[in-house]
Each structure stands twice: as structure tokens, then as C-alpha cells.
Amino acid sequence: MINRNHHIHTIIAALLFGCFFVLIGCENDINVVKGLGKKVAGVDEAKNVESYMSQSGKTKAKLVAPSMLLTQDEYGRKVEYPKTLKVDFFDDSLHISSKLFARYGSYSERDSKVLLKDSVIVFNVKGDTLISKELLWDQNTQRFSTDKPVYISQSQPARQRLIGIGFSSDQNLTDVHIGHVQPGSFFIVPDSSTIK
């Protein structure tokens, strides 16, 4: 004869035992749960980039780079140029007014600034040249600045060579301010007898 009570007790024991493992197995790692709500930054890559930048409907610059990385995070988009970049800046008549070269560059959409590093060279059509290890370009003000050492060579309106630490200028290198002028700098003032 089948012991009915024994059979019911076995089924209840199996259910309780199974529920125990189900409850134990459902415990979540708190770090895994926290990570579910975070955005994962993806990286898009482009090769042989040619990009035009405009402001108020006017073309201001043309950028050429062999590689571009685009990342998106909670702070906005960031564009990086890890393998050099070249930029031509244009005047209102679309003539090149100055050129820029750097081995690395990044652009933060949040603050509209470009950070240039490693062998930064900027020169304008008059032959004025700026060389620095690092340079920041503000897209809104269209000004360059750095707190690093900088070398500037200008030929007009007067010949000068400036070596300094800290720098600010418009993108055409016509309104130049040096923070701390270093030894080796010179400025040649034209003789008043040569002025017509």
C-alpha cells in the first residue's frame, strides 16, 4: 500500500528544496546592476577625412586628416585625430589666411574647443609662424592660446622673433600676446628715415 503522507511530504520537501535554490540563484551582484544603467561609449572611426567648418553660414576652415575617432559619452561628442591633421583657415573671400599642422588633435563639442598637441605649427600668408608643443583653439572666439613654451617668427610690420611661455592670438596671428618673453627674443624697429 502506498503511504500517501510520505508521498505528500516528499513533494513538499522537493518544492521547498527547489525554491531554496531558486531564491539563492536570483541574487544579483550590485556592481552588475549599477552597470546596467550606464551608457557605454562607442567609437566610430573614419579614414581619409576631409571636413569643412562654417560659422554663421560662412566657410571658415577645411580640415584634412588620415584618421578620425568619434566617441559619445554622457558629456557629449568628442572627435580625435590621432594621426596628424592639417587645417586651412579662410578669410571672408574664401582665400587661405593661415594654415595649421599638428600630430594630434581633439575637439570637444561641449565647449567648442580644439586641443592640438605634438609639433603644432601655424603660419599665415604673410609668412608669420608659430611653433608650440600644445595649442588650444576656441571655435567661438577664433583665438589660439597655450600656457606652454612657444616660438613665434614674424616679418611684418616689423621683423621679430619671440620665444615665450604662454600665448594668445587670433587665428591669423595678427593680434599676438606673449605671457613671459624668454631670452633669445628680439624685435627690430624700422628706422624712421626709411618710413615714407
N, C-alpha and C. Protein backbone atom coordinates (compact mmCIF):
# COMPACT_ATOMS: atom_id res chain seq x y z
N MET A 1 0.81 -1.15 0.00
CA MET A 1 0.00 0.00 0.00
C MET A 1 0.88 1.25 0.00
N ILE A 2 0.45 2.25 -0.68
CA ILE A 2 1.21 3.47 -0.83
C ILE A 2 0.91 4.36 0.37
N ASN A 3 1.98 4.84 0.97
CA ASN A 3 1.84 5.76 2.09
C ASN A 3 1.65 7.15 1.52
N ARG A 4 0.44 7.60 1.58
CA ARG A 4 0.09 8.89 0.98
C ARG A 4 0.77 10.05 1.68
N ASN A 5 0.87 10.00 2.96
CA ASN A 5 1.52 11.09 3.71
C ASN A 5 3.00 11.20 3.35
N HIS A 6 3.63 10.06 3.19
CA HIS A 6 5.05 10.07 2.82
C HIS A 6 5.24 10.69 1.42
N HIS A 7 4.35 10.37 0.51
CA HIS A 7 4.40 10.92 -0.85
C HIS A 7 4.19 12.45 -0.83
N ILE A 8 3.25 12.95 -0.06
CA ILE A 8 2.99 14.40 0.04
C ILE A 8 4.17 15.09 0.69
N HIS A 9 4.74 14.48 1.73
CA HIS A 9 5.91 15.09 2.38
C HIS A 9 7.10 15.15 1.43
N THR A 10 7.27 14.16 0.58
CA THR A 10 8.37 14.15 -0.40
C THR A 10 8.17 15.26 -1.42
N ILE A 11 6.94 15.45 -1.87
CA ILE A 11 6.66 16.52 -2.86
C ILE A 11 6.89 17.88 -2.23
N ILE A 12 6.43 18.09 -1.00
CA ILE A 12 6.63 19.38 -0.30
C ILE A 12 8.11 19.63 -0.08
N ALA A 13 8.84 18.61 0.33
CA ALA A 13 10.29 18.76 0.55
C ALA A 13 11.00 19.13 -0.75
N ALA A 14 10.61 18.48 -1.84
CA ALA A 14 11.23 18.78 -3.14
C ALA A 14 10.92 20.22 -3.57
N LEU A 15 9.68 20.67 -3.34
CA LEU A 15 9.32 22.05 -3.69
C LEU A 15 10.10 23.06 -2.85
N LEU A 16 10.17 22.82 -1.55
CA LEU A 16 10.93 23.73 -0.68
C LEU A 16 12.41 23.75 -1.04
N PHE A 17 12.94 22.57 -1.30
CA PHE A 17 14.36 22.47 -1.67
C PHE A 17 14.62 23.19 -3.00
N GLY A 18 13.72 23.05 -3.97
CA GLY A 18 13.84 23.73 -5.27
C GLY A 18 13.70 25.23 -5.13
N CYS A 19 12.77 25.67 -4.28
CA CYS A 19 12.60 27.12 -4.06
C CYS A 19 13.83 27.72 -3.41
N PHE A 20 14.47 26.94 -2.51
CA PHE A 20 15.68 27.42 -1.87
C PHE A 20 16.76 27.74 -2.91
N PHE A 21 16.97 26.85 -3.88
CA PHE A 21 17.97 27.08 -4.91
C PHE A 21 17.57 28.21 -5.86
N VAL A 22 16.28 28.35 -6.12
CA VAL A 22 15.81 29.43 -6.97
C VAL A 22 16.07 30.78 -6.29
N LEU A 23 15.76 30.84 -5.00
CA LEU A 23 15.99 32.10 -4.27
C LEU A 23 17.47 32.43 -4.15
N ILE A 24 18.30 31.44 -3.91
CA ILE A 24 19.74 31.66 -3.82
C ILE A 24 20.29 32.06 -5.19
N GLY A 25 19.82 31.44 -6.25
CA GLY A 25 20.31 31.71 -7.60
C GLY A 25 19.89 33.07 -8.13
N CYS A 26 18.91 33.75 -7.55
CA CYS A 26 18.43 35.03 -8.05
C CYS A 26 19.14 36.22 -7.45
N GLU A 27 20.13 35.98 -6.61
CA GLU A 27 20.86 37.09 -6.01
C GLU A 27 21.70 37.77 -7.09
N ASN A 28 21.63 39.13 -7.19
CA ASN A 28 22.36 39.89 -8.21
C ASN A 28 23.57 40.58 -7.59
N ASP A 29 24.63 40.65 -8.38
CA ASP A 29 25.81 41.42 -7.97
C ASP A 29 25.47 42.89 -8.12
N ILE A 30 25.68 43.67 -7.06
CA ILE A 30 25.30 45.08 -7.05
C ILE A 30 26.05 45.86 -8.14
N ASN A 31 27.29 45.53 -8.42
CA ASN A 31 28.07 46.23 -9.45
C ASN A 31 27.51 45.96 -10.85
N VAL A 32 27.02 44.74 -11.06
CA VAL A 32 26.42 44.41 -12.34
C VAL A 32 25.12 45.19 -12.53
N VAL A 33 24.34 45.29 -11.46
CA VAL A 33 23.08 46.04 -11.53
C VAL A 33 23.34 47.52 -11.79
N LYS A 34 24.33 48.11 -11.12
CA LYS A 34 24.67 49.52 -11.34
C LYS A 34 25.14 49.76 -12.77
N GLY A 35 25.86 48.81 -13.32
CA GLY A 35 26.39 48.95 -14.67
C GLY A 35 25.33 48.90 -15.76
N LEU A 36 24.15 48.37 -15.44
CA LEU A 36 23.10 48.27 -16.45
C LEU A 36 22.59 49.64 -16.89
N GLY A 37 22.62 50.63 -16.01
CA GLY A 37 22.10 51.96 -16.34
C GLY A 37 23.11 52.88 -16.99
N LYS A 38 24.38 52.48 -17.06
CA LYS A 38 25.41 53.35 -17.64
C LYS A 38 25.44 53.22 -19.15
N LYS A 39 25.74 54.36 -19.80
CA LYS A 39 25.93 54.34 -21.25
C LYS A 39 27.34 53.84 -21.55
N VAL A 40 27.44 52.99 -22.51
CA VAL A 40 28.74 52.51 -22.95
C VAL A 40 29.17 53.34 -24.15
N ALA A 41 30.35 53.95 -24.02
CA ALA A 41 30.84 54.81 -25.09
C ALA A 41 31.28 53.95 -26.27
N GLY A 42 30.72 54.24 -27.42
CA GLY A 42 31.13 53.57 -28.64
C GLY A 42 32.11 54.44 -29.39
N VAL A 43 32.89 53.85 -30.22
CA VAL A 43 33.88 54.59 -31.01
C VAL A 43 33.62 54.32 -32.48
N ASP A 44 33.41 55.40 -33.23
CA ASP A 44 33.32 55.30 -34.69
C ASP A 44 34.63 55.80 -35.26
N GLU A 45 35.09 55.15 -36.33
CA GLU A 45 36.35 55.55 -36.94
C GLU A 45 36.14 55.85 -38.42
N ALA A 46 36.77 56.93 -38.87
CA ALA A 46 36.73 57.30 -40.29
C ALA A 46 38.16 57.43 -40.79
N LYS A 47 38.36 57.11 -42.04
CA LYS A 47 39.69 57.20 -42.68
C LYS A 47 39.64 58.26 -43.77
N ASN A 48 40.79 58.91 -44.02
CA ASN A 48 40.94 59.92 -45.06
C ASN A 48 39.84 60.97 -44.99
N VAL A 49 39.82 61.70 -43.89
CA VAL A 49 38.76 62.67 -43.60
C VAL A 49 39.06 64.01 -44.25
N GLU A 50 38.05 64.62 -44.86
CA GLU A 50 38.10 65.99 -45.35
C GLU A 50 36.81 66.65 -44.87
N SER A 51 36.96 67.66 -44.02
CA SER A 51 35.80 68.27 -43.39
C SER A 51 35.88 69.79 -43.49
N TYR A 52 34.74 70.41 -43.73
CA TYR A 52 34.66 71.87 -43.80
C TYR A 52 33.90 72.39 -42.58
N MET A 53 34.42 73.46 -41.97
CA MET A 53 33.77 74.06 -40.81
C MET A 53 33.26 75.44 -41.20
N SER A 54 32.03 75.74 -40.78
CA SER A 54 31.45 77.04 -41.10
C SER A 54 30.93 77.69 -39.82
N GLN A 55 30.79 78.99 -39.89
CA GLN A 55 30.24 79.76 -38.79
C GLN A 55 29.40 80.87 -39.37
N SER A 56 28.17 80.98 -38.92
CA SER A 56 27.21 81.96 -39.43
C SER A 56 27.05 81.85 -40.94
N GLY A 57 27.07 80.63 -41.46
CA GLY A 57 26.85 80.40 -42.89
C GLY A 57 28.06 80.67 -43.76
N LYS A 58 29.23 80.93 -43.17
CA LYS A 58 30.44 81.20 -43.95
C LYS A 58 31.48 80.12 -43.68
N THR A 59 32.10 79.62 -44.74
CA THR A 59 33.14 78.61 -44.60
C THR A 59 34.35 79.25 -43.94
N LYS A 60 34.80 78.65 -42.84
CA LYS A 60 35.93 79.21 -42.08
C LYS A 60 37.18 78.36 -42.16
N ALA A 61 37.02 77.02 -42.35
CA ALA A 61 38.20 76.17 -42.34
C ALA A 61 37.93 74.86 -43.07
N LYS A 62 39.03 74.25 -43.53
CA LYS A 62 38.99 72.93 -44.15
C LYS A 62 40.00 72.06 -43.41
N LEU A 63 39.55 70.92 -42.92
CA LEU A 63 40.40 70.00 -42.17
C LEU A 63 40.63 68.74 -42.98
N VAL A 64 41.88 68.26 -43.01
CA VAL A 64 42.24 67.01 -43.68
C VAL A 64 43.02 66.18 -42.68
N ALA A 65 42.61 64.91 -42.51
CA ALA A 65 43.27 64.01 -41.57
C ALA A 65 43.17 62.57 -42.08
N PRO A 66 44.21 61.75 -41.84
CA PRO A 66 44.15 60.36 -42.29
C PRO A 66 43.23 59.49 -41.44
N SER A 67 42.95 59.91 -40.19
CA SER A 67 42.10 59.10 -39.32
C SER A 67 41.35 60.00 -38.34
N MET A 68 40.09 59.63 -38.06
CA MET A 68 39.28 60.37 -37.10
C MET A 68 38.51 59.37 -36.24
N LEU A 69 38.51 59.61 -34.92
CA LEU A 69 37.74 58.78 -34.00
C LEU A 69 36.65 59.64 -33.38
N LEU A 70 35.42 59.13 -33.35
CA LEU A 70 34.28 59.84 -32.77
C LEU A 70 33.74 59.02 -31.61
N THR A 71 33.72 59.63 -30.42
CA THR A 71 33.16 58.97 -29.24
C THR A 71 32.01 59.79 -28.69
N GLN A 72 31.07 59.10 -28.08
CA GLN A 72 29.90 59.74 -27.47
C GLN A 72 29.82 59.23 -26.04
N ASP A 73 29.75 60.14 -25.07
CA ASP A 73 29.54 59.76 -23.68
C ASP A 73 28.54 60.71 -23.04
N GLU A 74 28.41 60.64 -21.72
CA GLU A 74 27.41 61.48 -21.05
C GLU A 74 27.74 62.96 -21.13
N TYR A 75 28.96 63.32 -21.49
CA TYR A 75 29.35 64.73 -21.60
C TYR A 75 29.21 65.28 -23.01
N GLY A 76 28.89 64.45 -23.98
CA GLY A 76 28.73 64.90 -25.37
C GLY A 76 29.68 64.17 -26.29
N ARG A 77 29.80 64.69 -27.50
CA ARG A 77 30.66 64.06 -28.51
C ARG A 77 32.07 64.61 -28.42
N LYS A 78 33.03 63.74 -28.72
CA LYS A 78 34.43 64.13 -28.78
C LYS A 78 35.01 63.53 -30.05
N VAL A 79 35.73 64.35 -30.79
CA VAL A 79 36.37 63.92 -32.02
C VAL A 79 37.87 63.96 -31.80
N GLU A 80 38.57 62.88 -32.18
CA GLU A 80 40.02 62.84 -32.05
C GLU A 80 40.65 62.57 -33.41
N TYR A 81 41.80 63.19 -33.62
CA TYR A 81 42.62 62.97 -34.82
C TYR A 81 43.96 62.45 -34.33
N PRO A 82 44.11 61.12 -34.20
CA PRO A 82 45.32 60.57 -33.59
C PRO A 82 46.54 60.48 -34.51
N LYS A 83 46.36 60.69 -35.82
CA LYS A 83 47.47 60.50 -36.76
C LYS A 83 47.66 61.73 -37.64
N THR A 84 47.81 62.86 -37.07
CA THR A 84 48.04 64.16 -37.72
C THR A 84 46.75 64.78 -38.26
N LEU A 85 46.80 66.08 -38.40
CA LEU A 85 45.74 66.84 -39.05
C LEU A 85 46.32 68.10 -39.64
N LYS A 86 45.70 68.57 -40.72
CA LYS A 86 46.07 69.82 -41.38
C LYS A 86 44.80 70.63 -41.56
N VAL A 87 44.88 71.94 -41.26
CA VAL A 87 43.72 72.81 -41.38
C VAL A 87 44.09 74.05 -42.17
N ASP A 88 43.26 74.42 -43.15
CA ASP A 88 43.37 75.69 -43.87
C ASP A 88 42.26 76.59 -43.34
N PHE A 89 42.63 77.79 -42.88
CA PHE A 89 41.64 78.78 -42.43
C PHE A 89 41.41 79.77 -43.56
N PHE A 90 40.14 80.17 -43.75
CA PHE A 90 39.78 81.06 -44.84
C PHE A 90 39.32 82.42 -44.33
N ASP A 91 39.57 83.46 -45.15
CA ASP A 91 39.01 84.78 -44.86
C ASP A 91 37.60 84.85 -45.46
N ASP A 92 36.97 86.00 -45.41
CA ASP A 92 35.60 86.13 -45.91
C ASP A 92 35.49 85.93 -47.42
N SER A 93 36.60 86.10 -48.16
CA SER A 93 36.61 85.90 -49.61
C SER A 93 36.99 84.47 -49.99
N LEU A 94 37.07 83.58 -49.00
CA LEU A 94 37.45 82.18 -49.17
C LEU A 94 38.89 82.01 -49.65
N HIS A 95 39.75 82.98 -49.38
CA HIS A 95 41.18 82.84 -49.62
C HIS A 95 41.82 82.30 -48.34
N ILE A 96 42.83 81.46 -48.48
CA ILE A 96 43.51 80.91 -47.30
C ILE A 96 44.22 82.04 -46.58
N SER A 97 43.92 82.20 -45.29
CA SER A 97 44.56 83.24 -44.49
C SER A 97 45.64 82.66 -43.58
N SER A 98 45.49 81.40 -43.17
CA SER A 98 46.51 80.74 -42.35
C SER A 98 46.34 79.23 -42.44
N LYS A 99 47.40 78.52 -42.05
CA LYS A 99 47.40 77.05 -42.09
C LYS A 99 47.89 76.52 -40.75
N LEU A 100 47.47 75.30 -40.44
CA LEU A 100 47.84 74.67 -39.18
C LEU A 100 48.20 73.21 -39.43
N PHE A 101 49.19 72.71 -38.67
CA PHE A 101 49.57 71.30 -38.71
C PHE A 101 49.81 70.84 -37.27
N ALA A 102 49.36 69.63 -36.94
CA ALA A 102 49.64 69.02 -35.63
C ALA A 102 49.63 67.51 -35.79
N ARG A 103 50.36 66.83 -34.94
CA ARG A 103 50.38 65.36 -34.99
C ARG A 103 49.21 64.73 -34.24
N TYR A 104 48.56 65.50 -33.36
CA TYR A 104 47.39 65.01 -32.64
C TYR A 104 46.43 66.17 -32.41
N GLY A 105 45.14 65.88 -32.51
CA GLY A 105 44.14 66.90 -32.22
C GLY A 105 42.87 66.27 -31.67
N SER A 106 42.16 67.02 -30.84
CA SER A 106 40.86 66.55 -30.34
C SER A 106 39.92 67.75 -30.26
N TYR A 107 38.63 67.48 -30.48
CA TYR A 107 37.61 68.52 -30.45
C TYR A 107 36.51 68.10 -29.49
N SER A 108 36.20 68.95 -28.53
CA SER A 108 35.12 68.69 -27.59
C SER A 108 33.92 69.52 -28.00
N GLU A 109 32.82 68.85 -28.33
CA GLU A 109 31.62 69.54 -28.77
C GLU A 109 31.00 70.36 -27.63
N ARG A 110 31.18 69.89 -26.40
CA ARG A 110 30.59 70.55 -25.24
C ARG A 110 31.09 71.98 -25.08
N ASP A 111 32.41 72.19 -25.23
CA ASP A 111 32.94 73.54 -25.05
C ASP A 111 33.49 74.17 -26.33
N SER A 112 33.29 73.54 -27.48
CA SER A 112 33.69 74.07 -28.79
C SER A 112 35.16 74.47 -28.83
N LYS A 113 36.01 73.57 -28.31
CA LYS A 113 37.45 73.85 -28.30
C LYS A 113 38.21 72.70 -28.93
N VAL A 114 39.30 73.07 -29.61
CA VAL A 114 40.19 72.10 -30.23
C VAL A 114 41.51 72.12 -29.47
N LEU A 115 41.96 70.94 -29.04
CA LEU A 115 43.26 70.79 -28.39
C LEU A 115 44.21 70.17 -29.39
N LEU A 116 45.33 70.83 -29.64
CA LEU A 116 46.35 70.35 -30.57
C LEU A 116 47.61 70.05 -29.79
N LYS A 117 48.25 68.92 -30.10
CA LYS A 117 49.46 68.53 -29.38
C LYS A 117 50.50 67.99 -30.36
N ASP A 118 51.74 68.05 -29.91
CA ASP A 118 52.87 67.41 -30.58
C ASP A 118 53.18 68.05 -31.94
N SER A 119 54.18 68.89 -31.95
CA SER A 119 54.66 69.54 -33.18
C SER A 119 53.59 70.40 -33.84
N VAL A 120 53.01 71.31 -33.08
CA VAL A 120 51.99 72.20 -33.61
C VAL A 120 52.67 73.35 -34.35
N ILE A 121 52.27 73.56 -35.60
CA ILE A 121 52.81 74.65 -36.42
C ILE A 121 51.64 75.40 -37.04
N VAL A 122 51.64 76.73 -36.89
CA VAL A 122 50.62 77.59 -37.50
C VAL A 122 51.36 78.68 -38.25
N PHE A 123 50.96 78.95 -39.49
CA PHE A 123 51.57 80.07 -40.22
C PHE A 123 50.51 80.73 -41.08
N ASN A 124 50.71 82.04 -41.33
CA ASN A 124 49.74 82.78 -42.15
C ASN A 124 50.35 83.12 -43.50
N VAL A 125 49.57 83.76 -44.36
CA VAL A 125 50.02 84.05 -45.73
C VAL A 125 51.17 85.04 -45.78
N LYS A 126 51.36 85.82 -44.72
CA LYS A 126 52.48 86.77 -44.68
C LYS A 126 53.78 86.10 -44.30
N GLY A 127 53.72 84.84 -43.89
CA GLY A 127 54.94 84.13 -43.50
C GLY A 127 55.18 84.12 -42.00
N ASP A 128 54.28 84.66 -41.21
CA ASP A 128 54.41 84.60 -39.76
C ASP A 128 54.19 83.16 -39.32
N THR A 129 55.02 82.69 -38.37
CA THR A 129 54.99 81.29 -37.97
C THR A 129 54.93 81.16 -36.46
N LEU A 130 54.16 80.18 -35.99
CA LEU A 130 54.07 79.85 -34.58
C LEU A 130 54.36 78.36 -34.43
N ILE A 131 55.21 78.02 -33.47
CA ILE A 131 55.53 76.62 -33.18
C ILE A 131 55.37 76.40 -31.68
N SER A 132 54.66 75.32 -31.32
CA SER A 132 54.45 75.01 -29.91
C SER A 132 54.21 73.52 -29.74
N LYS A 133 54.38 73.02 -28.51
CA LYS A 133 54.08 71.62 -28.23
C LYS A 133 52.60 71.38 -28.04
N GLU A 134 51.88 72.44 -27.63
CA GLU A 134 50.45 72.30 -27.37
C GLU A 134 49.77 73.63 -27.64
N LEU A 135 48.57 73.56 -28.20
CA LEU A 135 47.83 74.78 -28.55
C LEU A 135 46.34 74.51 -28.43
N LEU A 136 45.61 75.47 -27.91
CA LEU A 136 44.16 75.36 -27.79
C LEU A 136 43.54 76.38 -28.72
N TRP A 137 42.56 75.95 -29.53
CA TRP A 137 41.84 76.85 -30.42
C TRP A 137 40.38 76.87 -30.00
N ASP A 138 39.88 78.06 -29.69
CA ASP A 138 38.49 78.23 -29.29
C ASP A 138 37.68 78.60 -30.53
N GLN A 139 36.74 77.74 -30.89
CA GLN A 139 35.95 77.94 -32.11
C GLN A 139 35.07 79.18 -31.99
N ASN A 140 34.57 79.48 -30.79
CA ASN A 140 33.68 80.62 -30.61
C ASN A 140 34.40 81.96 -30.75
N THR A 141 35.59 82.07 -30.15
CA THR A 141 36.34 83.33 -30.21
C THR A 141 37.32 83.37 -31.37
N GLN A 142 37.57 82.21 -32.01
CA GLN A 142 38.54 82.06 -33.09
C GLN A 142 39.92 82.55 -32.66
N ARG A 143 40.32 82.12 -31.46
CA ARG A 143 41.61 82.51 -30.90
C ARG A 143 42.40 81.27 -30.50
N PHE A 144 43.73 81.37 -30.64
CA PHE A 144 44.66 80.36 -30.16
C PHE A 144 45.17 80.77 -28.79
N SER A 145 45.50 79.78 -27.95
CA SER A 145 46.14 80.07 -26.67
C SER A 145 46.89 78.84 -26.18
N THR A 146 47.89 79.07 -25.33
CA THR A 146 48.63 77.99 -24.68
C THR A 146 49.31 78.54 -23.43
N ASP A 147 49.60 77.66 -22.50
CA ASP A 147 50.42 78.04 -21.35
C ASP A 147 51.79 77.36 -21.43
N LYS A 148 52.07 76.73 -22.57
CA LYS A 148 53.33 76.03 -22.82
C LYS A 148 54.31 76.96 -23.57
N PRO A 149 55.59 76.54 -23.67
CA PRO A 149 56.55 77.33 -24.45
C PRO A 149 56.11 77.48 -25.90
N VAL A 150 56.42 78.65 -26.48
CA VAL A 150 56.01 78.95 -27.84
C VAL A 150 57.12 79.72 -28.55
N TYR A 151 57.25 79.49 -29.85
CA TYR A 151 58.21 80.22 -30.69
C TYR A 151 57.41 80.90 -31.79
N ILE A 152 57.63 82.21 -31.96
CA ILE A 152 56.91 82.97 -33.00
C ILE A 152 57.93 83.75 -33.81
N SER A 153 57.78 83.67 -35.13
CA SER A 153 58.62 84.45 -36.04
C SER A 153 57.67 85.28 -36.91
N GLN A 154 57.91 86.59 -36.94
CA GLN A 154 57.09 87.49 -37.76
C GLN A 154 58.01 88.37 -38.60
N SER A 155 57.53 88.72 -39.78
CA SER A 155 58.32 89.59 -40.66
C SER A 155 57.65 90.93 -40.91
N GLN A 156 56.34 91.04 -40.67
CA GLN A 156 55.62 92.30 -40.89
C GLN A 156 54.71 92.59 -39.72
N PRO A 157 54.53 93.76 -39.27
CA PRO A 157 55.02 95.02 -39.81
C PRO A 157 56.50 95.24 -39.50
N ALA A 158 57.03 94.56 -38.46
CA ALA A 158 58.46 94.65 -38.17
C ALA A 158 58.97 93.23 -37.95
N ARG A 159 60.25 93.03 -38.23
CA ARG A 159 60.82 91.71 -38.07
C ARG A 159 61.02 91.42 -36.58
N GLN A 160 60.56 90.23 -36.15
CA GLN A 160 60.73 89.87 -34.75
C GLN A 160 60.74 88.36 -34.58
N ARG A 161 61.40 87.93 -33.53
CA ARG A 161 61.38 86.53 -33.12
C ARG A 161 61.07 86.54 -31.63
N LEU A 162 60.02 85.87 -31.25
CA LEU A 162 59.59 85.84 -29.86
C LEU A 162 59.60 84.41 -29.35
N ILE A 163 60.24 84.24 -28.21
CA ILE A 163 60.23 82.96 -27.53
C ILE A 163 59.60 83.23 -26.17
N GLY A 164 58.57 82.50 -25.83
CA GLY A 164 57.89 82.79 -24.58
C GLY A 164 57.18 81.59 -24.00
N ILE A 165 56.65 81.80 -22.82
CA ILE A 165 55.82 80.80 -22.16
C ILE A 165 54.46 81.44 -21.97
N GLY A 166 53.44 80.84 -22.56
CA GLY A 166 52.10 81.41 -22.55
C GLY A 166 51.90 82.28 -23.77
N PHE A 167 50.72 82.16 -24.38
CA PHE A 167 50.49 82.82 -25.66
C PHE A 167 48.99 82.93 -25.91
N SER A 168 48.59 84.00 -26.59
CA SER A 168 47.22 84.19 -27.03
C SER A 168 47.25 84.98 -28.33
N SER A 169 46.40 84.60 -29.29
CA SER A 169 46.37 85.29 -30.59
C SER A 169 45.09 84.97 -31.33
N ASP A 170 44.74 85.83 -32.29
CA ASP A 170 43.66 85.48 -33.20
C ASP A 170 44.20 84.43 -34.16
N GLN A 171 43.33 83.78 -34.93
CA GLN A 171 43.78 82.67 -35.79
C GLN A 171 44.66 83.12 -36.94
N ASN A 172 44.72 84.42 -37.25
CA ASN A 172 45.58 84.92 -38.32
C ASN A 172 46.94 85.38 -37.81
N LEU A 173 47.19 85.24 -36.51
CA LEU A 173 48.44 85.66 -35.87
C LEU A 173 48.71 87.16 -36.05
N THR A 174 47.66 87.97 -36.06
CA THR A 174 47.85 89.41 -36.19
C THR A 174 47.74 90.13 -34.85
N ASP A 175 47.11 89.52 -33.85
CA ASP A 175 46.93 90.12 -32.53
C ASP A 175 47.58 89.19 -31.51
N VAL A 176 48.92 89.23 -31.40
CA VAL A 176 49.70 88.27 -30.62
C VAL A 176 50.04 88.84 -29.24
N HIS A 177 49.83 88.03 -28.21
CA HIS A 177 50.20 88.38 -26.84
C HIS A 177 51.03 87.23 -26.26
N ILE A 178 52.24 87.55 -25.77
CA ILE A 178 53.12 86.57 -25.16
C ILE A 178 53.07 86.74 -23.65
N GLY A 179 52.93 85.64 -22.91
CA GLY A 179 52.87 85.70 -21.45
C GLY A 179 54.19 86.12 -20.84
N HIS A 180 55.22 85.31 -20.98
CA HIS A 180 56.54 85.57 -20.41
C HIS A 180 57.58 85.45 -21.51
N VAL A 181 58.10 86.58 -21.99
CA VAL A 181 59.10 86.58 -23.05
C VAL A 181 60.40 86.02 -22.49
N GLN A 182 61.03 85.13 -23.25
CA GLN A 182 62.25 84.45 -22.82
C GLN A 182 63.47 85.03 -23.53
N PRO A 183 64.69 84.81 -22.98
CA PRO A 183 65.93 85.24 -23.65
C PRO A 183 66.01 84.64 -25.05
N GLY A 184 66.57 85.40 -25.96
CA GLY A 184 66.68 84.98 -27.35
C GLY A 184 65.66 85.65 -28.24
N SER A 185 64.72 86.35 -27.63
CA SER A 185 63.71 87.08 -28.39
C SER A 185 64.29 88.40 -28.86
N PHE A 186 63.84 88.88 -30.01
CA PHE A 186 64.25 90.21 -30.46
C PHE A 186 63.15 90.84 -31.28
N PHE A 187 63.21 92.14 -31.38
CA PHE A 187 62.23 92.92 -32.11
C PHE A 187 62.99 94.03 -32.82
N ILE A 188 62.90 94.11 -34.13
CA ILE A 188 63.61 95.15 -34.89
C ILE A 188 62.62 96.21 -35.31
N VAL A 189 62.87 97.42 -34.84
CA VAL A 189 62.01 98.55 -35.19
C VAL A 189 62.60 99.22 -36.43
N PRO A 190 61.77 99.48 -37.44
CA PRO A 190 62.30 100.14 -38.64
C PRO A 190 62.83 101.55 -38.31
N ASP A 191 63.90 101.91 -39.01
CA ASP A 191 64.50 103.25 -38.86
C ASP A 191 63.49 104.28 -39.36
N SER A 192 63.34 105.36 -38.63
CA SER A 192 62.35 106.38 -39.01
C SER A 192 62.70 107.03 -40.35
N SER A 193 63.97 106.98 -40.77
CA SER A 193 64.33 107.59 -42.05
C SER A 193 63.84 106.73 -43.23
N THR A 194 63.51 105.45 -42.99
CA THR A 194 63.03 104.60 -44.08
C THR A 194 61.52 104.63 -44.21
N ILE A 195 60.83 105.23 -43.25
CA ILE A 195 59.36 105.30 -43.30
C ILE A 195 58.96 106.41 -44.25
N LYS A 196 58.07 106.15 -45.18
CA LYS A 196 57.65 107.15 -46.15
C LYS A 196 56.37 107.80 -45.73
